[in-house]
């Protein structure tokens, strides 16, 4: 529930860009999928751009574009 509250709080000002740091961290698979579904709807239905930092491959799979940071070097995947 904390992730949902954080997302709701971030949406109060109706920003065009949301920055999410490990939004599925510490969640079970079902809750993580629900958060990712919510973020997907925010992107497609509300036209929000989302920049997400994650170690979760399930989250990364849903991205339109991915970048990798390795030893200080950022590369496009």
Protein backbone atom coordinates (compact mmCIF):
# COMPACT_ATOMS: atom_id res chain seq x y z
CA UNK A 1 0.00 0.00 0.00
CA UNK A 2 2.91 2.36 0.62
CA UNK A 3 3.83 2.36 -3.07
CA UNK A 4 0.25 3.21 -4.05
CA UNK A 5 0.17 6.08 -1.56
CA UNK A 6 3.50 7.37 -2.87
CA UNK A 7 2.20 7.25 -6.45
CA UNK A 8 -1.01 9.04 -5.45
CA UNK A 9 1.00 11.71 -3.64
CA UNK A 10 3.20 12.18 -6.70
CA UNK A 11 0.13 12.65 -8.93
CA UNK A 12 -1.46 15.42 -6.83
CA UNK A 13 0.24 18.18 -8.82
CA UNK A 14 -0.55 16.45 -12.16
CA UNK A 15 3.09 16.22 -13.31
CA UNK A 16 4.04 15.14 -16.83
CA UNK A 17 6.99 13.14 -15.49
CA UNK A 18 7.08 10.59 -12.66
CA UNK A 19 10.39 9.34 -11.26
CA UNK A 20 10.16 5.96 -9.52
CA UNK A 21 13.03 4.44 -7.55
CA UNK A 22 12.53 0.68 -7.16
CA UNK A 23 8.71 0.86 -7.13
CA UNK A 24 8.44 -2.94 -6.83
CA UNK A 25 11.22 -3.36 -4.27
CA UNK A 26 10.19 -5.54 -1.35
CA UNK A 27 6.84 -6.51 -2.87
CA UNK A 28 5.51 -9.99 -3.53
CA UNK A 29 4.94 -10.93 -7.17
CA UNK A 30 1.20 -10.14 -7.14
CA UNK A 31 1.63 -6.69 -5.56
CA UNK A 32 4.54 -5.89 -7.87
CA UNK A 33 2.42 -6.79 -10.91
CA UNK A 34 -0.39 -4.54 -9.64
CA UNK A 35 1.99 -1.60 -9.22
CA UNK A 36 3.44 -2.17 -12.69
CA UNK A 37 -0.08 -2.38 -14.15
CA UNK A 38 -0.95 0.91 -12.45
CA UNK A 39 2.18 2.57 -13.81
CA UNK A 40 1.38 1.23 -17.27
CA UNK A 41 -2.10 2.76 -17.10
CA UNK A 42 -0.65 6.06 -15.93
CA UNK A 43 1.57 6.02 -18.99
CA UNK A 44 -0.99 4.97 -21.58
CA UNK A 45 -4.21 6.52 -20.25
CA UNK A 46 -2.91 9.63 -18.51
CA UNK A 47 0.10 10.18 -20.82
CA UNK A 48 2.60 10.29 -17.96
CA UNK A 49 6.27 9.79 -18.76
CA UNK A 50 7.82 7.47 -16.19
CA UNK A 51 11.52 7.18 -15.44
CA UNK A 52 12.05 4.13 -13.30
CA UNK A 53 15.15 2.78 -11.60
CA UNK A 54 14.87 -0.96 -10.96
CA UNK A 55 16.74 -4.19 -10.48
CA UNK A 56 13.52 -6.10 -11.18
CA UNK A 57 13.64 -7.74 -14.63
CA UNK A 58 9.81 -7.98 -14.68
CA UNK A 59 9.60 -4.21 -14.32
CA UNK A 60 12.30 -3.59 -16.93
CA UNK A 61 10.47 -5.83 -19.44
CA UNK A 62 7.55 -3.41 -19.44
CA UNK A 63 9.64 -0.38 -20.34
CA UNK A 64 9.48 1.27 -23.75
CA UNK A 65 13.22 1.93 -23.53
CA UNK A 66 15.88 0.69 -21.12
CA UNK A 67 19.27 1.97 -20.13
CA UNK A 68 21.91 0.15 -18.08
CA UNK A 69 24.30 1.74 -15.63
CA UNK A 70 27.46 -0.33 -15.21
CA UNK A 71 30.51 1.03 -13.39
CA UNK A 72 29.41 4.60 -14.01
CA UNK A 73 28.73 4.11 -17.74
CA UNK A 74 25.15 4.55 -18.96
CA UNK A 75 24.30 2.60 -22.12
CA UNK A 76 21.09 2.10 -24.06
CA UNK A 77 19.88 -1.47 -24.27
